[in-house]
Amino acid sequence: HPSRGAWPRVSLVMPSFNQAAFLEEALVSLHGQDYPELEIIVMDGGSTDGSVDILRRYEPRLAAWVSERDGGQADAINRGLAKATGDILGWLNSDDTLKPGALLAAAFVMREEPDLDVVYGDIEFTAADGRPLNTMQAWDFDPRQLACATNLLPQPSTFFRRRAWERVGGLDPALRLCLDYDLWLRMSLTGGLFRH
């Protein structure tokens, strides 16, 4: 088990809007990481489905949360990460979960390789009832493939350093669907080092 203080702080933002059916499971997956330096910030877009009741129950274990209208997912994530204090950043949508040990694995690689800007792993797709569907093997990083072919990085399993985030100015709030792909492209084009 990692000792407190020996590991970099990881700040994760969870954007959410009317996701009460999944929100608690997502939060439980974060608390189950057993990572000593985890900061969780939830940015709820003004949900009316019981999400706020869930957030009130988890409030003691959250660094911050708000429930108010926002300008969409990118805006919510940008505002959440503006509150973050960690050196390693990321976001987890409220209908996603992290497997146990995911943050420890990411933080270990970033701690051992200080020049690395972005680390990402494979992901598993599950049905709403939790049944596993399939695994997506992420590709090893290739800037030409990223620019010309496809998004190589599965967003839920991607973590990045604050310096890379600040260098590109965060997410583009005008984007709705490819906001993560755009972010990886800009991080790559500004010299970011990536590791699968």
Protein backbone atom coordinates (compact mmCIF):
# COMPACT_ATOMS: atom_id res chain seq x y z
CA HIS A 1 0.00 0.00 0.00
CA PRO A 2 1.45 3.39 -0.94
CA SER A 3 2.32 5.61 2.00
CA ARG A 4 0.75 9.05 2.18
CA GLY A 5 3.05 11.80 0.96
CA ALA A 6 5.15 9.47 -1.19
CA TRP A 7 2.79 9.68 -4.16
CA PRO A 8 1.67 12.58 -6.37
CA ARG A 9 -1.79 13.97 -5.79
CA VAL A 10 -4.32 12.86 -8.39
CA SER A 11 -7.29 15.17 -9.01
CA LEU A 12 -10.27 13.73 -10.84
CA VAL A 13 -13.28 15.70 -11.97
CA MET A 14 -16.58 13.92 -12.46
CA PRO A 15 -18.98 15.78 -14.77
CA SER A 16 -22.56 14.61 -14.38
CA PHE A 17 -26.09 15.50 -15.38
CA ASN A 18 -29.13 13.41 -14.43
CA GLN A 19 -27.02 10.27 -13.98
CA ALA A 20 -28.35 9.12 -10.61
CA ALA A 21 -28.64 5.55 -11.92
CA PHE A 22 -24.84 5.37 -12.34
CA LEU A 23 -23.38 8.14 -10.17
CA GLU A 24 -23.00 6.17 -6.95
CA GLU A 25 -21.26 3.26 -8.67
CA ALA A 26 -18.81 5.69 -10.26
CA LEU A 27 -18.07 7.31 -6.89
CA VAL A 28 -17.65 3.92 -5.20
CA SER A 29 -15.11 2.94 -7.86
CA LEU A 30 -13.07 6.06 -7.04
CA HIS A 31 -13.23 5.54 -3.28
CA GLY A 32 -12.25 1.90 -3.85
CA GLN A 33 -8.96 2.95 -5.45
CA ASP A 34 -7.27 3.00 -2.05
CA TYR A 35 -5.02 5.74 -3.37
CA PRO A 36 -3.85 8.04 -0.56
CA GLU A 37 -3.62 11.31 -2.48
CA LEU A 38 -6.92 11.37 -4.39
CA GLU A 39 -8.96 14.55 -4.80
CA ILE A 40 -12.48 14.12 -6.21
CA ILE A 41 -14.45 17.08 -7.56
CA VAL A 42 -17.98 16.54 -8.89
CA MET A 43 -19.47 19.05 -11.30
CA ASP A 44 -23.19 18.34 -11.59
CA GLY A 45 -25.09 20.31 -14.22
CA GLY A 46 -28.18 20.94 -12.08
CA SER A 47 -29.62 17.42 -12.01
CA THR A 48 -33.23 16.84 -10.98
CA ASP A 49 -33.14 13.03 -10.75
CA GLY A 50 -31.82 12.44 -7.21
CA SER A 51 -28.14 12.97 -8.05
CA VAL A 52 -27.87 15.78 -5.50
CA ASP A 53 -29.05 13.45 -2.71
CA ILE A 54 -26.26 11.02 -3.65
CA LEU A 55 -23.70 13.84 -3.66
CA ARG A 56 -24.83 15.01 -0.22
CA ARG A 57 -24.28 11.47 1.12
CA TYR A 58 -20.76 11.37 -0.33
CA GLU A 59 -19.91 14.97 0.54
CA PRO A 60 -17.48 14.08 3.38
CA ARG A 61 -15.35 12.15 0.86
CA LEU A 62 -15.39 14.78 -1.88
CA ALA A 63 -12.99 17.70 -2.13
CA ALA A 64 -15.77 19.78 -3.69
CA TRP A 65 -19.03 19.46 -5.56
CA VAL A 66 -21.54 21.81 -7.15
CA SER A 67 -24.91 21.33 -8.77
CA GLU A 68 -25.66 24.19 -11.11
CA ARG A 69 -26.28 24.81 -14.75
CA ASP A 70 -23.15 24.73 -16.89
CA GLY A 71 -22.16 25.24 -20.50
CA GLY A 72 -21.80 21.53 -21.22
CA GLN A 73 -19.33 18.80 -20.39
CA ALA A 74 -16.16 20.65 -21.45
CA ASP A 75 -17.16 23.72 -19.44
CA ALA A 76 -17.89 21.59 -16.36
CA ILE A 77 -14.55 19.77 -16.61
CA ASN A 78 -12.61 23.01 -17.16
CA ARG A 79 -14.25 24.61 -14.13
CA GLY A 80 -13.68 21.50 -12.03
CA LEU A 81 -10.01 21.22 -12.93
CA ALA A 82 -9.59 24.92 -12.17
CA LYS A 83 -10.38 23.95 -8.55
CA ALA A 84 -8.01 20.96 -8.58
CA THR A 85 -4.75 20.91 -6.63
CA GLY A 86 -3.18 17.71 -8.01
CA ASP A 87 -0.22 17.30 -10.33
CA ILE A 88 -1.92 14.41 -12.16
CA LEU A 89 -5.34 15.23 -13.60
CA GLY A 90 -8.19 13.50 -15.37
CA TRP A 91 -11.92 13.17 -15.53
CA LEU A 92 -14.28 10.26 -15.12
CA ASN A 93 -17.79 10.55 -16.46
CA SER A 94 -20.49 9.57 -14.00
CA ASP A 95 -21.45 6.49 -16.02
CA ASP A 96 -17.87 5.14 -16.02
CA THR A 97 -15.89 3.33 -13.32
CA LEU A 98 -12.23 2.67 -12.58
CA LYS A 99 -10.93 -0.79 -11.80
CA PRO A 100 -9.16 -1.20 -8.44
CA GLY A 101 -5.52 -0.16 -8.72
CA ALA A 102 -5.98 1.99 -11.83
CA LEU A 103 -4.81 5.21 -10.17
CA LEU A 104 -1.89 3.51 -8.45
CA ALA A 105 -0.72 2.08 -11.79
CA ALA A 106 -1.00 5.45 -13.57
CA ALA A 107 0.65 7.39 -10.74
CA PHE A 108 3.47 4.85 -10.46
CA VAL A 109 4.39 5.23 -14.13
CA MET A 110 4.23 9.02 -13.90
CA ARG A 111 6.26 9.09 -10.70
CA GLU A 112 8.95 6.89 -12.27
CA GLU A 113 9.02 8.84 -15.55
CA PRO A 114 8.93 12.56 -14.70
CA ASP A 115 9.16 13.62 -18.36
CA LEU A 116 5.96 11.74 -19.21
CA ASP A 117 2.91 13.98 -19.76
CA VAL A 118 0.10 11.51 -20.46
CA VAL A 119 -0.50 7.87 -19.49
CA TYR A 120 -3.42 5.72 -20.61
CA GLY A 121 -4.60 2.13 -20.42
CA ASP A 122 -7.09 -0.28 -21.91
CA ILE A 123 -10.78 -0.19 -21.05
CA GLU A 124 -13.61 -2.67 -20.65
CA PHE A 125 -17.14 -1.94 -21.81
CA THR A 126 -19.94 -3.11 -19.55
CA ALA A 127 -23.71 -3.19 -19.82
CA ALA A 128 -25.84 -1.02 -17.54
CA ASP A 129 -26.29 -4.01 -15.22
CA GLY A 130 -22.50 -4.47 -14.93
CA ARG A 131 -22.11 -7.42 -17.30
CA PRO A 132 -18.78 -7.28 -19.18
CA LEU A 133 -19.22 -6.76 -22.93
CA ASN A 134 -15.74 -6.45 -24.45
CA THR A 135 -12.28 -5.01 -23.92
CA MET A 136 -10.78 -2.22 -25.99
CA GLN A 137 -7.04 -2.58 -26.30
CA ALA A 138 -5.61 0.92 -26.63
CA TRP A 139 -2.92 1.44 -29.26
CA ASP A 140 0.62 2.41 -28.46
CA PHE A 141 1.01 6.12 -29.02
CA ASP A 142 1.75 7.30 -32.53
CA PRO A 143 1.28 11.02 -33.21
CA ARG A 144 0.67 10.44 -36.94
CA GLN A 145 -2.04 7.88 -36.24
CA LEU A 146 -3.61 10.25 -33.72
CA ALA A 147 -3.59 13.15 -36.17
CA CYS A 148 -4.62 11.25 -39.30
CA ALA A 149 -6.61 8.20 -38.29
CA THR A 150 -8.28 7.80 -34.93
CA ASN A 151 -8.44 8.64 -31.25
CA LEU A 152 -5.91 6.24 -29.69
CA LEU A 153 -6.61 7.16 -26.08
CA PRO A 154 -9.68 5.88 -24.20
CA GLN A 155 -10.72 8.90 -22.15
CA PRO A 156 -11.77 7.09 -18.93
CA SER A 157 -8.32 5.51 -18.60
CA THR A 158 -6.26 8.58 -19.52
CA PHE A 159 -4.42 10.75 -16.98
CA PHE A 160 -2.22 13.77 -17.66
CA ARG A 161 0.05 16.17 -15.84
CA ARG A 162 -1.10 19.63 -14.88
CA ARG A 163 1.68 21.18 -16.99
CA ALA A 164 0.31 19.53 -20.16
CA TRP A 165 -3.22 20.72 -19.34
CA GLU A 166 -2.07 24.28 -18.67
CA ARG A 167 0.14 24.33 -21.75
CA VAL A 168 -2.88 23.80 -24.05
CA GLY A 169 -5.44 25.80 -22.03
CA GLY A 170 -7.82 22.96 -21.17
CA LEU A 171 -10.77 21.67 -23.15
CA ASP A 172 -12.44 23.60 -25.96
CA PRO A 173 -15.94 24.37 -24.57
CA ALA A 174 -17.35 24.64 -28.10
CA LEU A 175 -16.86 20.89 -28.62
CA ARG A 176 -19.49 18.36 -27.53
CA LEU A 177 -18.35 14.97 -28.81
CA CYS A 178 -14.63 15.06 -29.64
CA LEU A 179 -13.44 17.22 -26.76
CA ASP A 180 -11.03 14.52 -25.52
CA TYR A 181 -9.62 13.81 -28.99
CA ASP A 182 -9.00 17.52 -29.53
CA LEU A 183 -7.22 17.73 -26.16
CA TRP A 184 -4.90 14.78 -26.94
CA LEU A 185 -4.08 16.29 -30.34
CA ARG A 186 -3.15 19.65 -28.83
CA MET A 187 -1.10 17.99 -26.08
CA SER A 188 0.75 15.98 -28.71
CA LEU A 189 1.35 18.96 -30.97
CA THR A 190 2.85 20.92 -28.07
CA GLY A 191 5.44 18.22 -27.38
CA GLY A 192 3.60 16.05 -24.86
CA LEU A 193 5.09 12.63 -24.13
CA PHE A 194 2.50 9.82 -24.03
CA ARG A 195 2.71 6.25 -22.73
CA HIS A 196 0.27 3.33 -23.18
